[in-house]
Amino acid sequence: FNEHGERAITTNHIAAHLNISPGNLYYHFRNK
């Protein structure tokens, strides 16, 4: 968010950055 702005980043971007599946991310957080 700090590097690119919150609007430009999706949960898929976050999952890819961490090399985890979107499903793994959604296990911990419902949405952005």
Full PDB file with SEQRES, HELIX, SHEET, SSBOND, CRYST1, ORIGX, SCALE, CONECT and MASTER records, all heavy atoms in Angstrom:
SEQRES   1 A   32  PHE ASN GLU HIS GLY GLU ARG ALA ILE THR THR ASN HIS          
SEQRES   2 A   32  ILE ALA ALA HIS LEU ASN ILE SER PRO GLY ASN LEU TYR          
SEQRES   3 A   32  TYR HIS PHE ARG ASN LYS                                      
HELIX    1 AA1 GLU A    6  ALA A    8  5                                   3    
HELIX    2 AA2 THR A   11  LEU A   18  1                                   8    
HELIX    3 AA3 PRO A   22  HIS A   28  1                                   7    
CRYST1    1.000    1.000    1.000  90.00  90.00  90.00 P 1           1          
ORIGX1      1.000000  0.000000  0.000000        0.00000                         
ORIGX2      0.000000  1.000000  0.000000        0.00000                         
ORIGX3      0.000000  0.000000  1.000000        0.00000                         
SCALE1      1.000000  0.000000  0.000000        0.00000                         
SCALE2      0.000000  1.000000  0.000000        0.00000                         
SCALE3      0.000000  0.000000  1.000000        0.00000                         
ATOM      1  N   PHE A   1       0.841  -1.209   0.000  1.00  0.00           N  
ATOM      2  CA  PHE A   1       0.000   0.000   0.000  1.00  0.00           C  
ATOM      3  C   PHE A   1       0.871   1.251   0.000  1.00  0.00           C  
ATOM      4  O   PHE A   1       0.582   2.230  -0.693  1.00  0.00           O  
ATOM      5  CB  PHE A   1      -0.914   0.017   1.225  1.00  0.00           C  
ATOM      6  CG  PHE A   1      -1.990  -1.034   1.231  1.00  0.00           C  
ATOM      7  CD1 PHE A   1      -2.663  -1.345   2.414  1.00  0.00           C  
ATOM      8  CD2 PHE A   1      -2.343  -1.714   0.081  1.00  0.00           C  
ATOM      9  CE1 PHE A   1      -3.659  -2.304   2.440  1.00  0.00           C  
ATOM     10  CE2 PHE A   1      -3.345  -2.689   0.097  1.00  0.00           C  
ATOM     11  CZ  PHE A   1      -3.993  -2.979   1.285  1.00  0.00           C  
ATOM     12  N   ASN A   2       1.929   1.235   0.811  1.00  0.00           N  
ATOM     13  CA  ASN A   2       2.813   2.403   0.906  1.00  0.00           C  
ATOM     14  C   ASN A   2       3.590   2.636  -0.386  1.00  0.00           C  
ATOM     15  O   ASN A   2       3.888   3.779  -0.742  1.00  0.00           O  
ATOM     16  CB  ASN A   2       3.796   2.233   2.066  1.00  0.00           C  
ATOM     17  CG  ASN A   2       3.184   2.572   3.406  1.00  0.00           C  
ATOM     18  OD1 ASN A   2       2.217   3.324   3.492  1.00  0.00           O  
ATOM     19  ND2 ASN A   2       3.744   2.025   4.471  1.00  0.00           N  
ATOM     20  N   GLU A   3       3.923   1.562  -1.074  1.00  0.00           N  
ATOM     21  CA  GLU A   3       4.729   1.683  -2.289  1.00  0.00           C  
ATOM     22  C   GLU A   3       3.897   2.052  -3.512  1.00  0.00           C  
ATOM     23  O   GLU A   3       4.322   2.860  -4.346  1.00  0.00           O  
ATOM     24  CB  GLU A   3       5.470   0.377  -2.548  1.00  0.00           C  
ATOM     25  CG  GLU A   3       6.428   0.442  -3.732  1.00  0.00           C  
ATOM     26  CD  GLU A   3       7.217  -0.843  -3.906  1.00  0.00           C  
ATOM     27  OE1 GLU A   3       7.177  -1.701  -2.997  1.00  0.00           O  
ATOM     28  OE2 GLU A   3       7.873  -0.982  -4.959  1.00  0.00           O  
ATOM     29  N   HIS A   4       2.693   1.471  -3.605  1.00  0.00           N  
ATOM     30  CA  HIS A   4       1.901   1.623  -4.825  1.00  0.00           C  
ATOM     31  C   HIS A   4       0.575   2.351  -4.621  1.00  0.00           C  
ATOM     32  O   HIS A   4      -0.091   2.707  -5.604  1.00  0.00           O  
ATOM     33  CB  HIS A   4       1.603   0.247  -5.427  1.00  0.00           C  
ATOM     34  CG  HIS A   4       2.827  -0.550  -5.744  1.00  0.00           C  
ATOM     35  ND1 HIS A   4       3.673  -0.245  -6.793  1.00  0.00           N  
ATOM     36  CD2 HIS A   4       3.369  -1.640  -5.118  1.00  0.00           C  
ATOM     37  CE1 HIS A   4       4.667  -1.120  -6.830  1.00  0.00           C  
ATOM     38  NE2 HIS A   4       4.521  -1.968  -5.818  1.00  0.00           N  
ATOM     39  N   GLY A   5       0.173   2.562  -3.378  1.00  0.00           N  
ATOM     40  CA  GLY A   5      -1.137   3.142  -3.088  1.00  0.00           C  
ATOM     41  C   GLY A   5      -2.149   2.044  -2.847  1.00  0.00           C  
ATOM     42  O   GLY A   5      -2.128   0.999  -3.521  1.00  0.00           O  
ATOM     43  N   GLU A   6      -3.029   2.245  -1.903  1.00  0.00           N  
ATOM     44  CA  GLU A   6      -4.007   1.213  -1.526  1.00  0.00           C  
ATOM     45  C   GLU A   6      -4.942   0.856  -2.670  1.00  0.00           C  
ATOM     46  O   GLU A   6      -5.300  -0.316  -2.878  1.00  0.00           O  
ATOM     47  CB  GLU A   6      -4.770   1.709  -0.288  1.00  0.00           C  
ATOM     48  CG  GLU A   6      -5.927   0.849   0.150  1.00  0.00           C  
ATOM     49  CD  GLU A   6      -7.244   1.276  -0.491  1.00  0.00           C  
ATOM     50  OE1 GLU A   6      -7.380   2.471  -0.795  1.00  0.00           O  
ATOM     51  OE2 GLU A   6      -8.114   0.409  -0.684  1.00  0.00           O  
ATOM     52  N   ARG A   7      -5.351   1.827  -3.469  1.00  0.00           N  
ATOM     53  CA  ARG A   7      -6.302   1.569  -4.553  1.00  0.00           C  
ATOM     54  C   ARG A   7      -5.721   0.659  -5.635  1.00  0.00           C  
ATOM     55  O   ARG A   7      -6.462  -0.038  -6.322  1.00  0.00           O  
ATOM     56  CB  ARG A   7      -6.770   2.885  -5.178  1.00  0.00           C  
ATOM     57  CG  ARG A   7      -7.831   3.601  -4.350  1.00  0.00           C  
ATOM     58  CD  ARG A   7      -8.257   4.914  -4.961  1.00  0.00           C  
ATOM     59  NE  ARG A   7      -7.205   5.929  -4.878  1.00  0.00           N  
ATOM     60  CZ  ARG A   7      -7.372   7.204  -5.159  1.00  0.00           C  
ATOM     61  NH1 ARG A   7      -8.552   7.640  -5.576  1.00  0.00           N  
ATOM     62  NH2 ARG A   7      -6.379   8.063  -5.043  1.00  0.00           N  
ATOM     63  N   ALA A   8      -4.400   0.673  -5.796  1.00  0.00           N  
ATOM     64  CA  ALA A   8      -3.767  -0.105  -6.868  1.00  0.00           C  
ATOM     65  C   ALA A   8      -3.517  -1.563  -6.479  1.00  0.00           C  
ATOM     66  O   ALA A   8      -3.156  -2.376  -7.334  1.00  0.00           O  
ATOM     67  CB  ALA A   8      -2.453   0.547  -7.276  1.00  0.00           C  
ATOM     68  N   ILE A   9      -3.685  -1.888  -5.203  1.00  0.00           N  
ATOM     69  CA  ILE A   9      -3.338  -3.217  -4.709  1.00  0.00           C  
ATOM     70  C   ILE A   9      -4.600  -4.012  -4.365  1.00  0.00           C  
ATOM     71  O   ILE A   9      -5.474  -3.529  -3.652  1.00  0.00           O  
ATOM     72  CB  ILE A   9      -2.425  -3.109  -3.468  1.00  0.00           C  
ATOM     73  CG1 ILE A   9      -1.111  -2.429  -3.830  1.00  0.00           C  
ATOM     74  CG2 ILE A   9      -2.173  -4.483  -2.860  1.00  0.00           C  
ATOM     75  CD1 ILE A   9      -0.290  -3.168  -4.862  1.00  0.00           C  
ATOM     76  N   THR A  10      -4.674  -5.237  -4.883  1.00  0.00           N  
ATOM     77  CA  THR A  10      -5.783  -6.140  -4.582  1.00  0.00           C  
ATOM     78  C   THR A  10      -5.300  -7.246  -3.653  1.00  0.00           C  
ATOM     79  O   THR A  10      -4.096  -7.421  -3.430  1.00  0.00           O  
ATOM     80  CB  THR A  10      -6.332  -6.774  -5.864  1.00  0.00           C  
ATOM     81  OG1 THR A  10      -5.316  -7.636  -6.419  1.00  0.00           O  
ATOM     82  CG2 THR A  10      -6.704  -5.702  -6.896  1.00  0.00           C  
ATOM     83  N   THR A  11      -6.235  -8.026  -3.151  1.00  0.00           N  
ATOM     84  CA  THR A  11      -5.857  -9.178  -2.317  1.00  0.00           C  
ATOM     85  C   THR A  11      -5.050 -10.184  -3.126  1.00  0.00           C  
ATOM     86  O   THR A  11      -4.174 -10.864  -2.582  1.00  0.00           O  
ATOM     87  CB  THR A  11      -7.105  -9.855  -1.728  1.00  0.00           C  
ATOM     88  OG1 THR A  11      -8.052 -10.120  -2.778  1.00  0.00           O  
ATOM     89  CG2 THR A  11      -7.751  -8.982  -0.658  1.00  0.00           C  
ATOM     90  N   ASN A  12      -5.308 -10.280  -4.432  1.00  0.00           N  
ATOM     91  CA  ASN A  12      -4.513 -11.182  -5.283  1.00  0.00           C  
ATOM     92  C   ASN A  12      -3.060 -10.720  -5.355  1.00  0.00           C  
ATOM     93  O   ASN A  12      -2.136 -11.546  -5.362  1.00  0.00           O  
ATOM     94  CB  ASN A  12      -5.103 -11.259  -6.685  1.00  0.00           C  
ATOM     95  CG  ASN A  12      -6.349 -12.122  -6.748  1.00  0.00           C  
ATOM     96  OD1 ASN A  12      -6.608 -12.912  -5.841  1.00  0.00           O  
ATOM     97  ND2 ASN A  12      -7.145 -11.974  -7.792  1.00  0.00           N  
ATOM     98  N   HIS A  13      -2.853  -9.393  -5.445  1.00  0.00           N  
ATOM     99  CA  HIS A  13      -1.493  -8.864  -5.441  1.00  0.00           C  
ATOM    100  C   HIS A  13      -0.782  -9.237  -4.133  1.00  0.00           C  
ATOM    101  O   HIS A  13       0.402  -9.626  -4.149  1.00  0.00           O  
ATOM    102  CB  HIS A  13      -1.502  -7.339  -5.569  1.00  0.00           C  
ATOM    103  CG  HIS A  13      -1.899  -6.838  -6.917  1.00  0.00           C  
ATOM    104  ND1 HIS A  13      -2.887  -5.893  -7.090  1.00  0.00           N  
ATOM    105  CD2 HIS A  13      -1.460  -7.157  -8.159  1.00  0.00           C  
ATOM    106  CE1 HIS A  13      -3.017  -5.634  -8.373  1.00  0.00           C  
ATOM    107  NE2 HIS A  13      -2.172  -6.400  -9.047  1.00  0.00           N  
ATOM    108  N   ILE A  14      -1.484  -9.109  -3.036  1.00  0.00           N  
ATOM    109  CA  ILE A  14      -0.891  -9.397  -1.721  1.00  0.00           C  
ATOM    110  C   ILE A  14      -0.532 -10.876  -1.613  1.00  0.00           C  
ATOM    111  O   ILE A  14       0.563 -11.242  -1.167  1.00  0.00           O  
ATOM    112  CB  ILE A  14      -1.854  -8.981  -0.587  1.00  0.00           C  
ATOM    113  CG1 ILE A  14      -2.118  -7.468  -0.641  1.00  0.00           C  
ATOM    114  CG2 ILE A  14      -1.279  -9.372   0.776  1.00  0.00           C  
ATOM    115  CD1 ILE A  14      -3.305  -7.019   0.193  1.00  0.00           C  
ATOM    116  N   ALA A  15      -1.455 -11.738  -2.046  1.00  0.00           N  
ATOM    117  CA  ALA A  15      -1.206 -13.183  -2.002  1.00  0.00           C  
ATOM    118  C   ALA A  15      -0.003 -13.550  -2.875  1.00  0.00           C  
ATOM    119  O   ALA A  15       0.869 -14.327  -2.459  1.00  0.00           O  
ATOM    120  CB  ALA A  15      -2.456 -13.937  -2.449  1.00  0.00           C  
ATOM    121  N   ALA A  16       0.058 -12.975  -4.079  1.00  0.00           N  
ATOM    122  CA  ALA A  16       1.171 -13.271  -4.988  1.00  0.00           C  
ATOM    123  C   ALA A  16       2.493 -12.787  -4.401  1.00  0.00           C  
ATOM    124  O   ALA A  16       3.525 -13.460  -4.525  1.00  0.00           O  
ATOM    125  CB  ALA A  16       0.912 -12.620  -6.345  1.00  0.00           C  
ATOM    126  N   HIS A  17       2.465 -11.622  -3.760  1.00  0.00           N  
ATOM    127  CA  HIS A  17       3.677 -11.066  -3.152  1.00  0.00           C  
ATOM    128  C   HIS A  17       4.217 -12.007  -2.076  1.00  0.00           C  
ATOM    129  O   HIS A  17       5.437 -12.139  -1.906  1.00  0.00           O  
ATOM    130  CB  HIS A  17       3.353  -9.697  -2.552  1.00  0.00           C  
ATOM    131  CG  HIS A  17       4.520  -9.008  -1.914  1.00  0.00           C  
ATOM    132  ND1 HIS A  17       5.500  -8.370  -2.645  1.00  0.00           N  
ATOM    133  CD2 HIS A  17       4.878  -8.861  -0.595  1.00  0.00           C  
ATOM    134  CE1 HIS A  17       6.392  -7.846  -1.826  1.00  0.00           C  
ATOM    135  NE2 HIS A  17       6.046  -8.133  -0.580  1.00  0.00           N  
ATOM    136  N   LEU A  18       3.318 -12.668  -1.358  1.00  0.00           N  
ATOM    137  CA  LEU A  18       3.715 -13.582  -0.278  1.00  0.00           C  
ATOM    138  C   LEU A  18       3.874 -15.021  -0.755  1.00  0.00           C  
ATOM    139  O   LEU A  18       4.237 -15.903   0.047  1.00  0.00           O  
ATOM    140  CB  LEU A  18       2.670 -13.521   0.847  1.00  0.00           C  
ATOM    141  CG  LEU A  18       2.649 -12.251   1.689  1.00  0.00           C  
ATOM    142  CD1 LEU A  18       1.407 -12.216   2.568  1.00  0.00           C  
ATOM    143  CD2 LEU A  18       3.901 -12.141   2.536  1.00  0.00           C  
ATOM    144  N   ASN A  19       3.549 -15.243  -2.035  1.00  0.00           N  
ATOM    145  CA  ASN A  19       3.609 -16.593  -2.601  1.00  0.00           C  
ATOM    146  C   ASN A  19       2.693 -17.557  -1.844  1.00  0.00           C  
ATOM    147  O   ASN A  19       3.068 -18.692  -1.523  1.00  0.00           O  
ATOM    148  CB  ASN A  19       5.050 -17.124  -2.594  1.00  0.00           C  
ATOM    149  CG  ASN A  19       5.241 -18.301  -3.535  1.00  0.00           C  
ATOM    150  OD1 ASN A  19       4.521 -18.440  -4.535  1.00  0.00           O  
ATOM    151  ND2 ASN A  19       6.198 -19.168  -3.224  1.00  0.00           N  
ATOM    152  N   ILE A  20       1.482 -17.075  -1.538  1.00  0.00           N  
ATOM    153  CA  ILE A  20       0.450 -17.919  -0.934  1.00  0.00           C  
ATOM    154  C   ILE A  20      -0.778 -17.867  -1.833  1.00  0.00           C  
ATOM    155  O   ILE A  20      -0.904 -16.998  -2.698  1.00  0.00           O  
ATOM    156  CB  ILE A  20       0.082 -17.465   0.500  1.00  0.00           C  
ATOM    157  CG1 ILE A  20      -0.537 -16.052   0.480  1.00  0.00           C  
ATOM    158  CG2 ILE A  20       1.291 -17.531   1.427  1.00  0.00           C  
ATOM    159  CD1 ILE A  20      -1.047 -15.585   1.840  1.00  0.00           C  
ATOM    160  N   SER A  21      -1.696 -18.788  -1.631  1.00  0.00           N  
ATOM    161  CA  SER A  21      -2.904 -18.811  -2.452  1.00  0.00           C  
ATOM    162  C   SER A  21      -3.888 -17.756  -1.943  1.00  0.00           C  
ATOM    163  O   SER A  21      -3.888 -17.415  -0.747  1.00  0.00           O  
ATOM    164  CB  SER A  21      -3.563 -20.180  -2.385  1.00  0.00           C  
ATOM    165  OG  SER A  21      -4.088 -20.405  -1.082  1.00  0.00           O  
ATOM    166  N   PRO A  22      -4.746 -17.228  -2.834  1.00  0.00           N  
ATOM    167  CA  PRO A  22      -5.795 -16.308  -2.375  1.00  0.00           C  
ATOM    168  C   PRO A  22      -6.656 -16.941  -1.290  1.00  0.00           C  
ATOM    169  O   PRO A  22      -7.089 -16.259  -0.353  1.00  0.00           O  
ATOM    170  CB  PRO A  22      -6.599 -16.038  -3.646  1.00  0.00           C  
ATOM    171  CG  PRO A  22      -5.610 -16.212  -4.756  1.00  0.00           C  
ATOM    172  CD  PRO A  22      -4.733 -17.344  -4.307  1.00  0.00           C  
ATOM    173  N   GLY A  23      -6.893 -18.252  -1.402  1.00  0.00           N  
ATOM    174  CA  GLY A  23      -7.695 -18.944  -0.392  1.00  0.00           C  
ATOM    175  C   GLY A  23      -7.055 -18.892   0.979  1.00  0.00           C  
ATOM    176  O   GLY A  23      -7.748 -18.751   1.995  1.00  0.00           O  
ATOM    177  N   ASN A  24      -5.723 -18.994   1.020  1.00  0.00           N  
ATOM    178  CA  ASN A  24      -4.997 -18.905   2.290  1.00  0.00           C  
ATOM    179  C   ASN A  24      -5.166 -17.511   2.888  1.00  0.00           C  
ATOM    180  O   ASN A  24      -5.377 -17.345   4.096  1.00  0.00           O  
ATOM    181  CB  ASN A  24      -3.515 -19.211   2.061  1.00  0.00           C  
ATOM    182  CG  ASN A  24      -2.763 -19.466   3.351  1.00  0.00           C  
ATOM    183  OD1 ASN A  24      -3.278 -19.257   4.448  1.00  0.00           O  
ATOM    184  ND2 ASN A  24      -1.514 -19.899   3.233  1.00  0.00           N  
ATOM    185  N   LEU A  25      -5.090 -16.498   2.028  1.00  0.00           N  
ATOM    186  CA  LEU A  25      -5.282 -15.126   2.512  1.00  0.00           C  
ATOM    187  C   LEU A  25      -6.695 -14.943   3.063  1.00  0.00           C  
ATOM    188  O   LEU A  25      -6.890 -14.368   4.143  1.00  0.00           O  
ATOM    189  CB  LEU A  25      -5.017 -14.128   1.380  1.00  0.00           C  
ATOM    190  CG  LEU A  25      -5.061 -12.637   1.768  1.00  0.00           C  
ATOM    191  CD1 LEU A  25      -4.071 -11.831   0.931  1.00  0.00           C  
ATOM    192  CD2 LEU A  25      -6.466 -12.052   1.578  1.00  0.00           C  
ATOM    193  N   TYR A  26      -7.692 -15.474   2.332  1.00  0.00           N  
ATOM    194  CA  TYR A  26      -9.081 -15.301   2.768  1.00  0.00           C  
ATOM    195  C   TYR A  26      -9.408 -16.108   4.020  1.00  0.00           C  
ATOM    196  O   TYR A  26     -10.406 -15.845   4.685  1.00  0.00           O  
ATOM    197  CB  TYR A  26     -10.043 -15.672   1.633  1.00  0.00           C  
ATOM    198  CG  TYR A  26     -10.062 -14.650   0.520  1.00  0.00           C  
ATOM    199  CD1 TYR A  26      -9.841 -15.026  -0.809  1.00  0.00           C  
ATOM    200  CD2 TYR A  26     -10.293 -13.302   0.792  1.00  0.00           C  
ATOM    201  CE1 TYR A  26      -9.851 -14.084  -1.830  1.00  0.00           C  
ATOM    202  CE2 TYR A  26     -10.307 -12.360  -0.223  1.00  0.00           C  
ATOM    203  CZ  TYR A  26     -10.078 -12.759  -1.523  1.00  0.00           C  
ATOM    204  OH  TYR A  26     -10.091 -11.818  -2.526  1.00  0.00           O  
ATOM    205  N   TYR A  27      -8.568 -17.086   4.334  1.00  0.00           N  
ATOM    206  CA  TYR A  27      -8.733 -17.807   5.593  1.00  0.00           C  
ATOM    207  C   TYR A  27      -8.501 -16.866   6.773  1.00  0.00           C  
ATOM    208  O   TYR A  27      -9.130 -16.998   7.827  1.00  0.00           O  
ATOM    209  CB  TYR A  27      -7.753 -18.984   5.650  1.00  0.00           C  
ATOM    210  CG  TYR A  27      -7.759 -19.715   6.969  1.00  0.00           C  
ATOM    211  CD1 TYR A  27      -8.756 -20.637   7.273  1.00  0.00           C  
ATOM    212  CD2 TYR A  27      -6.765 -19.477   7.930  1.00  0.00           C  
ATOM    213  CE1 TYR A  27      -8.771 -21.306   8.490  1.00  0.00           C  
ATOM    214  CE2 TYR A  27      -6.761 -20.141   9.143  1.00  0.00           C  
ATOM    215  CZ  TYR A  27      -7.772 -21.049   9.418  1.00  0.00           C  
ATOM    216  OH  TYR A  27      -7.783 -21.710  10.639  1.00  0.00           O  
ATOM    217  N   HIS A  28      -7.614 -15.883   6.576  1.00  0.00           N  
ATOM    218  CA  HIS A  28      -7.248 -14.956   7.653  1.00  0.00           C  
ATOM    219  C   HIS A  28      -8.016 -13.633   7.580  1.00  0.00           C  
ATOM    220  O   HIS A  28      -8.290 -13.020   8.620  1.00  0.00           O  
ATOM    221  CB  HIS A  28      -5.746 -14.669   7.597  1.00  0.00           C  
ATOM    222  CG  HIS A  28      -4.892 -15.875   7.837  1.00  0.00           C  
ATOM    223  ND1 HIS A  28      -4.630 -16.378   9.093  1.00  0.00           N  
ATOM    224  CD2 HIS A  28      -4.258 -16.699   6.961  1.00  0.00           C  
ATOM    225  CE1 HIS A  28      -3.863 -17.441   9.001  1.00  0.00           C  
ATOM    226  NE2 HIS A  28      -3.611 -17.668   7.718  1.00  0.00           N  
ATOM    227  N   PHE A  29      -8.354 -13.210   6.363  1.00  0.00           N  
ATOM    228  CA  PHE A  29      -9.038 -11.915   6.178  1.00  0.00           C  
ATOM    229  C   PHE A  29     -10.159 -12.066   5.149  1.00  0.00           C  
ATOM    230  O   PHE A  29      -9.960 -12.667   4.097  1.00  0.00           O  
ATOM    231  CB  PHE A  29      -8.046 -10.839   5.701  1.00  0.00           C  
ATOM    232  CG  PHE A  29      -6.978 -10.507   6.704  1.00  0.00           C  
ATOM    233  CD1 PHE A  29      -5.720 -11.097   6.614  1.00  0.00           C  
ATOM    234  CD2 PHE A  29      -7.232  -9.626   7.746  1.00  0.00           C  
ATOM    235  CE1 PHE A  29      -4.727 -10.797   7.540  1.00  0.00           C  
ATOM    236  CE2 PHE A  29      -6.245  -9.323   8.680  1.00  0.00           C  
ATOM    237  CZ  PHE A  29      -5.001  -9.914   8.578  1.00  0.00           C  
ATOM    238  N   ARG A  30     -11.302 -11.476   5.455  1.00  0.00           N  
ATOM    239  CA  ARG A  30     -12.462 -11.592   4.564  1.00  0.00           C  
ATOM    240  C   ARG A  30     -12.256 -10.822   3.265  1.00  0.00           C  
ATOM    241  O   ARG A  30     -12.688 -11.250   2.201  1.00  0.00           O  
ATOM    242  CB  ARG A  30     -13.730 -11.068   5.259  1.00  0.00           C  
ATOM    243  CG  ARG A  30     -14.157 -11.867   6.482  1.00  0.00           C  
ATOM    244  CD  ARG A  30     -15.497 -11.381   7.009  1.00  0.00           C  
ATOM    245  NE  ARG A  30     -15.460  -9.962   7.347  1.00  0.00           N  
ATOM    246  CZ  ARG A  30     -15.038  -9.496   8.519  1.00  0.00           C  
ATOM    247  NH1 ARG A  30     -14.584 -10.338   9.433  1.00  0.00           N  
ATOM    248  NH2 ARG A  30     -15.048  -8.200   8.762  1.00  0.00           N  
ATOM    249  N   ASN A  31     -11.586  -9.666   3.355  1.00  0.00           N  
ATOM    250  CA  ASN A  31     -11.400  -8.802   2.188  1.00  0.00           C  
ATOM    251  C   ASN A  31     -10.306  -7.773   2.497  1.00  0.00           C  
ATOM    252  O   ASN A  31      -9.705  -7.806   3.584  1.00  0.00           O  
ATOM    253  CB  ASN A  31     -12.712  -8.094   1.820  1.00  0.00           C  
ATOM    254  CG  ASN A  31     -13.381  -7.456   3.029  1.00  0.00           C  
ATOM    255  OD1 ASN A  31     -12.719  -6.850   3.872  1.00  0.00           O  
ATOM    256  ND2 ASN A  31     -14.695  -7.609   3.147  1.00  0.00           N  
ATOM    257  N   LYS A  32     -10.072  -6.878   1.558  1.00  0.00           N  
ATOM    258  CA  LYS A  32      -9.011  -5.886   1.742  1.00  0.00           C  
ATOM    259  C   LYS A  32      -9.345  -4.926   2.888  1.00  0.00           C  
ATOM    260  O   LYS A  32      -8.447  -4.498   3.628  1.00  0.00           O  
ATOM    261  CB  LYS A  32      -8.790  -5.102   0.444  1.00  0.00           C  
ATOM    262  CG  LYS A  32      -7.551  -4.211   0.494  1.00  0.00           C  
ATOM    263  CD  LYS A  32      -7.161  -3.700  -0.876  1.00  0.00           C  
ATOM    264  CE  LYS A  32      -8.079  -2.615  -1.371  1.00  0.00           C  
ATOM    265  NZ  LYS A  32      -7.555  -1.941  -2.588  1.00  0.00           N  
TER     266      LYS A  32                                                      
MASTER        0    0    0    3    0    0    0    6  265    1    0    3          
END                                                                             
